[in-house]
Amino acid sequence: MRPLEVRIPHQLPPAEVRRRLDEAVVRARTQYSDTVGPIDASWETDERLRVRLATMGMDFDGSVEVFSEELLVTLVLPGMASLFAGRIRSGIEERLGGLLGSQQA
């Protein structure tokens, strides 16, 4: 299966993007603890955040790459989740766009 790719433009320094992503992961772990299993997020490099989580009996594996003018989110969607790829894409665009100031949240 081809992974879902979402590009989010931004105008922030890479260090600020990483800081905001780190804070968002901490908030997500608290906010979604009752519906999502443990959220495993760790920086593989200064530019690549690896993310793994499980929800509704499905495992999601993805990454967020920080480039100078955009983020590239890559997410492997398990089986049935691919039916909701459009909604998942929209959710990523809304949340990360708002986080980085590239759109209204």
PDB file of N, CA and C in Angstrom:
ATOM      1  N   MET A   1       0.828  -1.175   0.000  1.00  0.00           N
ATOM      2  CA  MET A   1       0.000   0.000   0.000  1.00  0.00           C
ATOM      3  C   MET A   1       0.882   1.252   0.000  1.00  0.00           C
ATOM      4  N   ARG A   2       0.484   2.214  -0.782  1.00  0.00           N
ATOM      5  CA  ARG A   2       1.202   3.479  -0.846  1.00  0.00           C
ATOM      6  C   ARG A   2       0.898   4.341   0.366  1.00  0.00           C
ATOM      7  N   PRO A   3       1.912   4.915   0.973  1.00  0.00           N
ATOM      8  CA  PRO A   3       1.633   5.747   2.156  1.00  0.00           C
ATOM      9  C   PRO A   3       0.937   7.058   1.769  1.00  0.00           C
ATOM     10  N   LEU A   4       0.204   7.587   2.708  1.00  0.00           N
ATOM     11  CA  LEU A   4      -0.423   8.890   2.562  1.00  0.00           C
ATOM     12  C   LEU A   4       0.652   9.940   2.814  1.00  0.00           C
ATOM     13  N   GLU A   5       0.770  10.914   1.923  1.00  0.00           N
ATOM     14  CA  GLU A   5       1.721  12.008   2.097  1.00  0.00           C
ATOM     15  C   GLU A   5       0.968  13.323   2.160  1.00  0.00           C
ATOM     16  N   VAL A   6       1.312  14.129   3.153  1.00  0.00           N
ATOM     17  CA  VAL A   6       0.682  15.435   3.325  1.00  0.00           C
ATOM     18  C   VAL A   6       1.789  16.455   3.505  1.00  0.00           C
ATOM     19  N   ARG A   7       1.732  17.533   2.739  1.00  0.00           N
ATOM     20  CA  ARG A   7       2.721  18.612   2.840  1.00  0.00           C
ATOM     21  C   ARG A   7       2.060  19.822   3.494  1.00  0.00           C
ATOM     22  N   ILE A   8       2.733  20.339   4.509  1.00  0.00           N
ATOM     23  CA  ILE A   8       2.230  21.481   5.269  1.00  0.00           C
ATOM     24  C   ILE A   8       3.248  22.617   5.161  1.00  0.00           C
ATOM     25  N   PRO A   9       2.883  23.717   4.506  1.00  0.00           N
ATOM     26  CA  PRO A   9       3.828  24.838   4.397  1.00  0.00           C
ATOM     27  C   PRO A   9       4.000  25.546   5.741  1.00  0.00           C
ATOM     28  N   HIS A  10       5.159  26.144   5.921  1.00  0.00           N
ATOM     29  CA  HIS A  10       5.410  26.945   7.128  1.00  0.00           C
ATOM     30  C   HIS A  10       6.490  27.967   6.817  1.00  0.00           C
ATOM     31  N   GLN A  11       6.615  28.945   7.716  1.00  0.00           N
ATOM     32  CA  GLN A  11       7.634  29.984   7.579  1.00  0.00           C
ATOM     33  C   GLN A  11       8.426  30.134   8.872  1.00  0.00           C
ATOM     34  N   LEU A  12       8.598  29.034   9.588  1.00  0.00           N
ATOM     35  CA  LEU A  12       9.265  29.061  10.882  1.00  0.00           C
ATOM     36  C   LEU A  12      10.668  28.479  10.795  1.00  0.00           C
ATOM     37  N   PRO A  13      11.557  28.869  11.700  1.00  0.00           N
ATOM     38  CA  PRO A  13      12.870  28.229  11.773  1.00  0.00           C
ATOM     39  C   PRO A  13      12.689  26.759  12.183  1.00  0.00           C
ATOM     40  N   PRO A  14      13.531  25.872  11.677  1.00  0.00           N
ATOM     41  CA  PRO A  14      13.401  24.445  11.997  1.00  0.00           C
ATOM     42  C   PRO A  14      13.344  24.147  13.501  1.00  0.00           C
ATOM     43  N   ALA A  15      14.127  24.860  14.302  1.00  0.00           N
ATOM     44  CA  ALA A  15      14.121  24.613  15.747  1.00  0.00           C
ATOM     45  C   ALA A  15      12.745  24.921  16.355  1.00  0.00           C
ATOM     46  N   GLU A  16      12.083  25.948  15.863  1.00  0.00           N
ATOM     47  CA  GLU A  16      10.750  26.299  16.350  1.00  0.00           C
ATOM     48  C   GLU A  16       9.726  25.253  15.914  1.00  0.00           C
ATOM     49  N   VAL A  17       9.855  24.742  14.704  1.00  0.00           N
ATOM     50  CA  VAL A  17       8.964  23.682  14.234  1.00  0.00           C
ATOM     51  C   VAL A  17       9.113  22.454  15.135  1.00  0.00           C
ATOM     52  N   ARG A  18      10.341  22.066  15.419  1.00  0.00           N
ATOM     53  CA  ARG A  18      10.582  20.904  16.289  1.00  0.00           C
ATOM     54  C   ARG A  18       9.989  21.137  17.684  1.00  0.00           C
ATOM     55  N   ARG A  19      10.174  22.320  18.221  1.00  0.00           N
ATOM     56  CA  ARG A  19       9.639  22.641  19.552  1.00  0.00           C
ATOM     57  C   ARG A  19       8.114  22.499  19.551  1.00  0.00           C
ATOM     58  N   ARG A  20       7.462  23.048  18.544  1.00  0.00           N
ATOM     59  CA  ARG A  20       6.003  22.977  18.472  1.00  0.00           C
ATOM     60  C   ARG A  20       5.515  21.540  18.282  1.00  0.00           C
ATOM     61  N   LEU A  21       6.234  20.768  17.484  1.00  0.00           N
ATOM     62  CA  LEU A  21       5.862  19.364  17.305  1.00  0.00           C
ATOM     63  C   LEU A  21       6.004  18.596  18.620  1.00  0.00           C
ATOM     64  N   ASP A  22       7.091  18.840  19.344  1.00  0.00           N
ATOM     65  CA  ASP A  22       7.288  18.177  20.638  1.00  0.00           C
ATOM     66  C   ASP A  22       6.143  18.505  21.595  1.00  0.00           C
ATOM     67  N   GLU A  23       5.762  19.771  21.657  1.00  0.00           N
ATOM     68  CA  GLU A  23       4.665  20.179  22.535  1.00  0.00           C
ATOM     69  C   GLU A  23       3.349  19.531  22.097  1.00  0.00           C
ATOM     70  N   ALA A  24       3.127  19.442  20.803  1.00  0.00           N
ATOM     71  CA  ALA A  24       1.902  18.835  20.285  1.00  0.00           C
ATOM     72  C   ALA A  24       1.823  17.350  20.643  1.00  0.00           C
ATOM     73  N   VAL A  25       2.947  16.666  20.610  1.00  0.00           N
ATOM     74  CA  VAL A  25       2.967  15.242  20.981  1.00  0.00           C
ATOM     75  C   VAL A  25       2.599  15.085  22.457  1.00  0.00           C
ATOM     76  N   VAL A  26       3.147  15.927  23.305  1.00  0.00           N
ATOM     77  CA  VAL A  26       2.833  15.865  24.740  1.00  0.00           C
ATOM     78  C   VAL A  26       1.338  16.101  24.954  1.00  0.00           C
ATOM     79  N   ARG A  27       0.772  17.106  24.285  1.00  0.00           N
ATOM     80  CA  ARG A  27      -0.666  17.387  24.408  1.00  0.00           C
ATOM     81  C   ARG A  27      -1.497  16.219  23.893  1.00  0.00           C
ATOM     82  N   ALA A  28      -1.106  15.647  22.756  1.00  0.00           N
ATOM     83  CA  ALA A  28      -1.864  14.532  22.169  1.00  0.00           C
ATOM     84  C   ALA A  28      -1.874  13.323  23.096  1.00  0.00           C
ATOM     85  N   ARG A  29      -0.747  13.057  23.735  1.00  0.00           N
ATOM     86  CA  ARG A  29      -0.687  11.912  24.661  1.00  0.00           C
ATOM     87  C   ARG A  29      -1.705  12.071  25.781  1.00  0.00           C
ATOM     88  N   THR A  30      -1.913  13.295  26.251  1.00  0.00           N
ATOM     89  CA  THR A  30      -2.879  13.554  27.315  1.00  0.00           C
ATOM     90  C   THR A  30      -4.302  13.619  26.765  1.00  0.00           C
ATOM     91  N   GLN A  31      -4.491  14.381  25.723  1.00  0.00           N
ATOM     92  CA  GLN A  31      -5.819  14.638  25.175  1.00  0.00           C
ATOM     93  C   GLN A  31      -6.482  13.378  24.620  1.00  0.00           C
ATOM     94  N   TYR A  32      -5.711  12.499  24.012  1.00  0.00           N
ATOM     95  CA  TYR A  32      -6.288  11.321  23.362  1.00  0.00           C
ATOM     96  C   TYR A  32      -5.989  10.017  24.100  1.00  0.00           C
ATOM     97  N   SER A  33      -5.602  10.093  25.352  1.00  0.00           N
ATOM     98  CA  SER A  33      -5.206   8.889  26.082  1.00  0.00           C
ATOM     99  C   SER A  33      -6.335   7.872  26.210  1.00  0.00           C
ATOM    100  N   ASP A  34      -7.593   8.330  26.185  1.00  0.00           N
ATOM    101  CA  ASP A  34      -8.701   7.396  26.331  1.00  0.00           C
ATOM    102  C   ASP A  34      -9.101   6.711  25.022  1.00  0.00           C
ATOM    103  N   THR A  35      -8.645   7.219  23.878  1.00  0.00           N
ATOM    104  CA  THR A  35      -9.024   6.617  22.588  1.00  0.00           C
ATOM    105  C   THR A  35      -7.846   6.089  21.786  1.00  0.00           C
ATOM    106  N   VAL A  36      -6.656   6.526  22.111  1.00  0.00           N
ATOM    107  CA  VAL A  36      -5.459   6.121  21.372  1.00  0.00           C
ATOM    108  C   VAL A  36      -4.509   5.448  22.351  1.00  0.00           C
ATOM    109  N   GLY A  37      -3.909   4.358  21.918  1.00  0.00           N
ATOM    110  CA  GLY A  37      -2.904   3.707  22.748  1.00  0.00           C
ATOM    111  C   GLY A  37      -1.694   4.608  22.897  1.00  0.00           C
ATOM    112  N   PRO A  38      -0.633   4.093  23.451  1.00  0.00           N
ATOM    113  CA  PRO A  38       0.574   4.900  23.612  1.00  0.00           C
ATOM    114  C   PRO A  38       1.020   5.515  22.274  1.00  0.00           C
ATOM    115  N   ILE A  39       1.392   6.772  22.329  1.00  0.00           N
ATOM    116  CA  ILE A  39       1.935   7.458  21.149  1.00  0.00           C
ATOM    117  C   ILE A  39       3.440   7.471  21.303  1.00  0.00           C
ATOM    118  N   ASP A  40       4.104   6.747  20.421  1.00  0.00           N
ATOM    119  CA  ASP A  40       5.562   6.684  20.430  1.00  0.00           C
ATOM    120  C   ASP A  40       6.073   7.676  19.389  1.00  0.00           C
ATOM    121  N   ALA A  41       6.746   8.709  19.833  1.00  0.00           N
ATOM    122  CA  ALA A  41       7.289   9.720  18.923  1.00  0.00           C
ATOM    123  C   ALA A  41       8.716  10.025  19.345  1.00  0.00           C
ATOM    124  N   SER A  42       9.643   9.880  18.412  1.00  0.00           N
ATOM    125  CA  SER A  42      11.042  10.165  18.731  1.00  0.00           C
ATOM    126  C   SER A  42      11.743  10.700  17.487  1.00  0.00           C
ATOM    127  N   TRP A  43      12.702  11.586  17.726  1.00  0.00           N
ATOM    128  CA  TRP A  43      13.470  12.184  16.641  1.00  0.00           C
ATOM    129  C   TRP A  43      14.563  11.213  16.208  1.00  0.00           C
ATOM    130  N   GLU A  44      14.481  10.755  14.964  1.00  0.00           N
ATOM    131  CA  GLU A  44      15.531   9.892  14.402  1.00  0.00           C
ATOM    132  C   GLU A  44      16.736  10.731  13.995  1.00  0.00           C
ATOM    133  N   THR A  45      16.455  11.923  13.492  1.00  0.00           N
ATOM    134  CA  THR A  45      17.471  12.923  13.158  1.00  0.00           C
ATOM    135  C   THR A  45      16.897  14.272  13.564  1.00  0.00           C
ATOM    136  N   ASP A  46      17.644  15.342  13.369  1.00  0.00           N
ATOM    137  CA  ASP A  46      17.115  16.678  13.670  1.00  0.00           C
ATOM    138  C   ASP A  46      15.943  17.043  12.762  1.00  0.00           C
ATOM    139  N   GLU A  47      15.820  16.356  11.641  1.00  0.00           N
ATOM    140  CA  GLU A  47      14.786  16.690  10.662  1.00  0.00           C
ATOM    141  C   GLU A  47      13.660  15.672  10.578  1.00  0.00           C
ATOM    142  N   ARG A  48      13.762  14.531  11.235  1.00  0.00           N
ATOM    143  CA  ARG A  48      12.773  13.461  11.044  1.00  0.00           C
ATOM    144  C   ARG A  48      12.244  12.931  12.374  1.00  0.00           C
ATOM    145  N   LEU A  49      10.947  13.139  12.585  1.00  0.00           N
ATOM    146  CA  LEU A  49      10.248  12.644  13.759  1.00  0.00           C
ATOM    147  C   LEU A  49       9.497  11.374  13.371  1.00  0.00           C
ATOM    148  N   ARG A  50       9.782  10.286  14.030  1.00  0.00           N
ATOM    149  CA  ARG A  50       9.114   9.002  13.772  1.00  0.00           C
ATOM    150  C   ARG A  50       7.950   8.886  14.749  1.00  0.00           C
ATOM    151  N   VAL A  51       6.771   8.516  14.245  1.00  0.00           N
ATOM    152  CA  VAL A  51       5.577   8.435  15.077  1.00  0.00           C
ATOM    153  C   VAL A  51       4.896   7.087  14.864  1.00  0.00           C
ATOM    154  N   ARG A  52       4.539   6.459  15.981  1.00  0.00           N
ATOM    155  CA  ARG A  52       3.786   5.199  15.942  1.00  0.00           C
ATOM    156  C   ARG A  52       2.682   5.286  16.991  1.00  0.00           C
ATOM    157  N   LEU A  53       1.488   4.810  16.605  1.00  0.00           N
ATOM    158  CA  LEU A  53       0.378   4.784  17.539  1.00  0.00           C
ATOM    159  C   LEU A  53      -0.623   3.730  17.103  1.00  0.00           C
ATOM    160  N   ALA A  54      -1.528   3.403  18.005  1.00  0.00           N
ATOM    161  CA  ALA A  54      -2.594   2.459  17.703  1.00  0.00           C
ATOM    162  C   ALA A  54      -3.912   3.045  18.159  1.00  0.00           C
ATOM    163  N   THR A  55      -4.933   2.881  17.335  1.00  0.00           N
ATOM    164  CA  THR A  55      -6.273   3.312  17.700  1.00  0.00           C
ATOM    165  C   THR A  55      -7.280   2.438  16.975  1.00  0.00           C
ATOM    166  N   MET A  56      -8.376   2.164  17.627  1.00  0.00           N
ATOM    167  CA  MET A  56      -9.443   1.351  17.056  1.00  0.00           C
ATOM    168  C   MET A  56      -8.923   0.026  16.496  1.00  0.00           C
ATOM    169  N   GLY A  57      -7.946  -0.559  17.189  1.00  0.00           N
ATOM    170  CA  GLY A  57      -7.410  -1.848  16.782  1.00  0.00           C
ATOM    171  C   GLY A  57      -6.479  -1.816  15.584  1.00  0.00           C
ATOM    172  N   MET A  58      -6.070  -0.622  15.160  1.00  0.00           N
ATOM    173  CA  MET A  58      -5.183  -0.485  14.003  1.00  0.00           C
ATOM    174  C   MET A  58      -3.893   0.204  14.411  1.00  0.00           C
ATOM    175  N   ASP A  59      -2.776  -0.262  13.851  1.00  0.00           N
ATOM    176  CA  ASP A  59      -1.472   0.353  14.101  1.00  0.00           C
ATOM    177  C   ASP A  59      -1.140   1.322  12.973  1.00  0.00           C
ATOM    178  N   PHE A  60      -0.697   2.506  13.350  1.00  0.00           N
ATOM    179  CA  PHE A  60      -0.294   3.529  12.385  1.00  0.00           C
ATOM    180  C   PHE A  60       1.195   3.797  12.565  1.00  0.00           C
ATOM    181  N   ASP A  61       1.894   3.892  11.467  1.00  0.00           N
ATOM    182  CA  ASP A  61       3.330   4.147  11.468  1.00  0.00           C
ATOM    183  C   ASP A  61       3.580   5.300  10.509  1.00  0.00           C
ATOM    184  N   GLY A  62       4.308   6.307  10.970  1.00  0.00           N
ATOM    185  CA  GLY A  62       4.537   7.451  10.107  1.00  0.00           C
ATOM    186  C   GLY A  62       5.742   8.261  10.520  1.00  0.00           C
ATOM    187  N   SER A  63       5.947   9.336   9.774  1.00  0.00           N
ATOM    188  CA  SER A  63       7.049  10.241  10.077  1.00  0.00           C
ATOM    189  C   SER A  63       6.656  11.656   9.683  1.00  0.00           C
ATOM    190  N   VAL A  64       7.361  12.601  10.296  1.00  0.00           N
ATOM    191  CA  VAL A  64       7.217  14.016   9.957  1.00  0.00           C
ATOM    192  C   VAL A  64       8.619  14.516   9.676  1.00  0.00           C
ATOM    193  N   GLU A  65       8.828  14.977   8.441  1.00  0.00           N
ATOM    194  CA  GLU A  65      10.131  15.520   8.068  1.00  0.00           C
ATOM    195  C   GLU A  65      10.039  17.034   8.008  1.00  0.00           C
ATOM    196  N   VAL A  66      10.993  17.692   8.641  1.00  0.00           N
ATOM    197  CA  VAL A  66      11.021  19.143   8.713  1.00  0.00           C
ATOM    198  C   VAL A  66      11.961  19.669   7.636  1.00  0.00           C
ATOM    199  N   PHE A  67      11.377  20.387   6.686  1.00  0.00           N
ATOM    200  CA  PHE A  67      12.160  21.068   5.650  1.00  0.00           C
ATOM    201  C   PHE A  67      12.055  22.568   5.882  1.00  0.00           C
ATOM    202  N   SER A  68      12.858  23.344   5.200  1.00  0.00           N
ATOM    203  CA  SER A  68      12.928  24.781   5.468  1.00  0.00           C
ATOM    204  C   SER A  68      11.598  25.509   5.246  1.00  0.00           C
ATOM    205  N   GLU A  69      10.761  25.041   4.323  1.00  0.00           N
ATOM    206  CA  GLU A  69       9.508  25.745   4.045  1.00  0.00           C
ATOM    207  C   GLU A  69       8.271  24.861   4.138  1.00  0.00           C
ATOM    208  N   GLU A  70       8.458  23.593   4.524  1.00  0.00           N
ATOM    209  CA  GLU A  70       7.300  22.714   4.650  1.00  0.00           C
ATOM    210  C   GLU A  70       7.615  21.505   5.518  1.00  0.00           C
ATOM    211  N   LEU A  71       6.554  20.885   6.001  1.00  0.00           N
ATOM    212  CA  LEU A  71       6.657  19.580   6.648  1.00  0.00           C
ATOM    213  C   LEU A  71       6.152  18.552   5.655  1.00  0.00           C
ATOM    214  N   LEU A  72       6.750  17.384   5.682  1.00  0.00           N
ATOM    215  CA  LEU A  72       6.242  16.266   4.904  1.00  0.00           C
ATOM    216  C   LEU A  72       5.826  15.190   5.889  1.00  0.00           C
ATOM    217  N   VAL A  73       4.526  14.961   5.974  1.00  0.00           N
ATOM    218  CA  VAL A  73       3.981  13.917   6.834  1.00  0.00           C
ATOM    219  C   VAL A  73       3.743  12.692   5.963  1.00  0.00           C
ATOM    220  N   THR A  74       4.303  11.569   6.355  1.00  0.00           N
ATOM    221  CA  THR A  74       4.108  10.311   5.647  1.00  0.00           C
ATOM    222  C   THR A  74       3.488   9.338   6.631  1.00  0.00           C
ATOM    223  N   LEU A  75       2.356   8.753   6.248  1.00  0.00           N
ATOM    224  CA  LEU A  75       1.624   7.873   7.148  1.00  0.00           C
ATOM    225  C   LEU A  75       1.165   6.633   6.395  1.00  0.00           C
ATOM    226  N   VAL A  76       1.558   5.473   6.894  1.00  0.00           N
ATOM    227  CA  VAL A  76       1.099   4.212   6.326  1.00  0.00           C
ATOM    228  C   VAL A  76      -0.250   3.897   6.963  1.00  0.00           C
ATOM    229  N   LEU A  77      -1.286   3.825   6.133  1.00  0.00           N
ATOM    230  CA  LEU A  77      -2.627   3.569   6.638  1.00  0.00           C
ATOM    231  C   LEU A  77      -2.932   2.078   6.595  1.00  0.00           C
ATOM    232  N   PRO A  78      -3.302   1.507   7.714  1.00  0.00           N
ATOM    233  CA  PRO A  78      -3.654   0.092   7.717  1.00  0.00           C
ATOM    234  C   PRO A  78      -5.019  -0.133   7.065  1.00  0.00           C
ATOM    235  N   GLY A  79      -5.169  -1.254   6.418  1.00  0.00           N
ATOM    236  CA  GLY A  79      -6.412  -1.742   5.809  1.00  0.00           C
ATOM    237  C   GLY A  79      -7.567  -0.775   5.715  1.00  0.00           C
ATOM    238  N   MET A  80      -8.507  -0.908   6.637  1.00  0.00           N
ATOM    239  CA  MET A  80      -9.743  -0.145   6.596  1.00  0.00           C
ATOM    240  C   MET A  80      -9.532   1.362   6.738  1.00  0.00           C
ATOM    241  N   ALA A  81      -8.467   1.772   7.364  1.00  0.00           N
ATOM    242  CA  ALA A  81      -8.218   3.204   7.539  1.00  0.00           C
ATOM    243  C   ALA A  81      -8.035   3.909   6.201  1.00  0.00           C
ATOM    244  N   SER A  82      -7.604   3.171   5.183  1.00  0.00           N
ATOM    245  CA  SER A  82      -7.403   3.793   3.874  1.00  0.00           C
ATOM    246  C   SER A  82      -8.713   4.311   3.293  1.00  0.00           C
ATOM    247  N   LEU A  83      -9.845   3.771   3.747  1.00  0.00           N
ATOM    248  CA  LEU A  83     -11.145   4.275   3.306  1.00  0.00           C
ATOM    249  C   LEU A  83     -11.378   5.712   3.777  1.00  0.00           C
ATOM    250  N   PHE A  84     -10.673   6.109   4.822  1.00  0.00           N
ATOM    251  CA  PHE A  84     -10.837   7.437   5.395  1.00  0.00           C
ATOM    252  C   PHE A  84      -9.636   8.339   5.110  1.00  0.00           C
ATOM    253  N   ALA A  85      -8.881   8.020   4.074  1.00  0.00           N
ATOM    254  CA  ALA A  85      -7.661   8.779   3.756  1.00  0.00           C
ATOM    255  C   ALA A  85      -7.939  10.269   3.589  1.00  0.00           C
ATOM    256  N   GLY A  86      -9.032  10.627   2.958  1.00  0.00           N
ATOM    257  CA  GLY A  86      -9.359  12.039   2.761  1.00  0.00           C
ATOM    258  C   GLY A  86      -9.599  12.757   4.073  1.00  0.00           C
ATOM    259  N   ARG A  87     -10.327  12.127   4.971  1.00  0.00           N
ATOM    260  CA  ARG A  87     -10.589  12.732   6.277  1.00  0.00           C
ATOM    261  C   ARG A  87      -9.320  12.805   7.106  1.00  0.00           C
ATOM    262  N   ILE A  88      -8.481  11.769   7.013  1.00  0.00           N
ATOM    263  CA  ILE A  88      -7.215  11.776   7.747  1.00  0.00           C
ATOM    264  C   ILE A  88      -6.326  12.895   7.227  1.00  0.00           C
ATOM    265  N   ARG A  89      -6.248  13.039   5.904  1.00  0.00           N
ATOM    266  CA  ARG A  89      -5.462  14.128   5.292  1.00  0.00           C
ATOM    267  C   ARG A  89      -5.966  15.484   5.789  1.00  0.00           C
ATOM    268  N   SER A  90      -7.268  15.696   5.749  1.00  0.00           N
ATOM    269  CA  SER A  90      -7.839  16.977   6.189  1.00  0.00           C
ATOM    270  C   SER A  90      -7.520  17.261   7.655  1.00  0.00           C
ATOM    271  N   GLY A  91      -7.599  16.228   8.485  1.00  0.00           N
ATOM    272  CA  GLY A  91      -7.287  16.402   9.902  1.00  0.00           C
ATOM    273  C   GLY A  91      -5.837  16.791  10.127  1.00  0.00           C
ATOM    274  N   ILE A  92      -4.930  16.147   9.387  1.00  0.00           N
ATOM    275  CA  ILE A  92      -3.505  16.478   9.486  1.00  0.00           C
ATOM    276  C   ILE A  92      -3.264  17.911   9.031  1.00  0.00           C
ATOM    277  N   GLU A  93      -3.870  18.286   7.898  1.00  0.00           N
ATOM    278  CA  GLU A  93      -3.690  19.649   7.385  1.00  0.00           C
ATOM    279  C   GLU A  93      -4.214  20.687   8.371  1.00  0.00           C
ATOM    280  N   GLU A  94      -5.365  20.412   8.958  1.00  0.00           N
ATOM    281  CA  GLU A  94      -5.956  21.365   9.896  1.00  0.00           C
ATOM    282  C   GLU A  94      -5.113  21.489  11.166  1.00  0.00           C
ATOM    283  N   ARG A  95      -4.759  20.353  11.768  1.00  0.00           N
ATOM    284  CA  ARG A  95      -4.017  20.388  13.035  1.00  0.00           C
ATOM    285  C   ARG A  95      -2.614  20.956  12.869  1.00  0.00           C
ATOM    286  N   LEU A  96      -1.869  20.440  11.916  1.00  0.00           N
ATOM    287  CA  LEU A  96      -0.488  20.906  11.757  1.00  0.00           C
ATOM    288  C   LEU A  96      -0.438  22.285  11.121  1.00  0.00           C
ATOM    289  N   GLY A  97      -1.373  22.585  10.235  1.00  0.00           N
ATOM    290  CA  GLY A  97      -1.437  23.930   9.672  1.00  0.00           C
ATOM    291  C   GLY A  97      -1.675  24.962  10.755  1.00  0.00           C
ATOM    292  N   GLY A  98      -2.594  24.657  11.674  1.00  0.00           N
ATOM    293  CA  GLY A  98      -2.855  25.557  12.800  1.00  0.00           C
ATOM    294  C   GLY A  98      -1.669  25.651  13.735  1.00  0.00           C
ATOM    295  N   LEU A  99      -1.010  24.521  13.962  1.00  0.00           N
ATOM    296  CA  LEU A  99       0.154  24.482  14.846  1.00  0.00           C
ATOM    297  C   LEU A  99       1.291  25.364  14.326  1.00  0.00           C
ATOM    298  N   LEU A 100       1.448  25.382  13.014  1.00  0.00           N
ATOM    299  CA  LEU A 100       2.555  26.118  12.412  1.00  0.00           C
ATOM    300  C   LEU A 100       2.158  27.484  11.860  1.00  0.00           C
ATOM    301  N   GLY A 101       0.892  27.817  12.016  1.00  0.00           N
ATOM    302  CA  GLY A 101       0.447  29.132  11.577  1.00  0.00           C
ATOM    303  C   GLY A 101       0.234  29.261  10.086  1.00  0.00           C
ATOM    304  N   SER A 102       0.134  28.131   9.358  1.00  0.00           N
ATOM    305  CA  SER A 102      -0.035  28.218   7.917  1.00  0.00           C
ATOM    306  C   SER A 102      -1.503  28.211   7.510  1.00  0.00           C
ATOM    307  N   GLN A 103      -2.395  28.021   8.497  1.00  0.00           N
ATOM    308  CA  GLN A 103      -3.825  28.160   8.247  1.00  0.00           C
ATOM    309  C   GLN A 103      -4.515  28.341   9.577  1.00  0.00           C
ATOM    310  N   GLN A 104      -5.753  28.772   9.524  1.00  0.00           N
ATOM    311  CA  GLN A 104      -6.517  28.953  10.753  1.00  0.00           C
ATOM    312  C   GLN A 104      -6.905  27.604  11.308  1.00  0.00           C
ATOM    313  N   ALA A 105      -6.773  27.409  12.617  1.00  0.00           N
ATOM    314  CA  ALA A 105      -7.165  26.148  13.257  1.00  0.00           C
ATOM    315  C   ALA A 105      -8.627  26.174  13.630  1.00  0.00           C
TER     316      ALA A 105
END
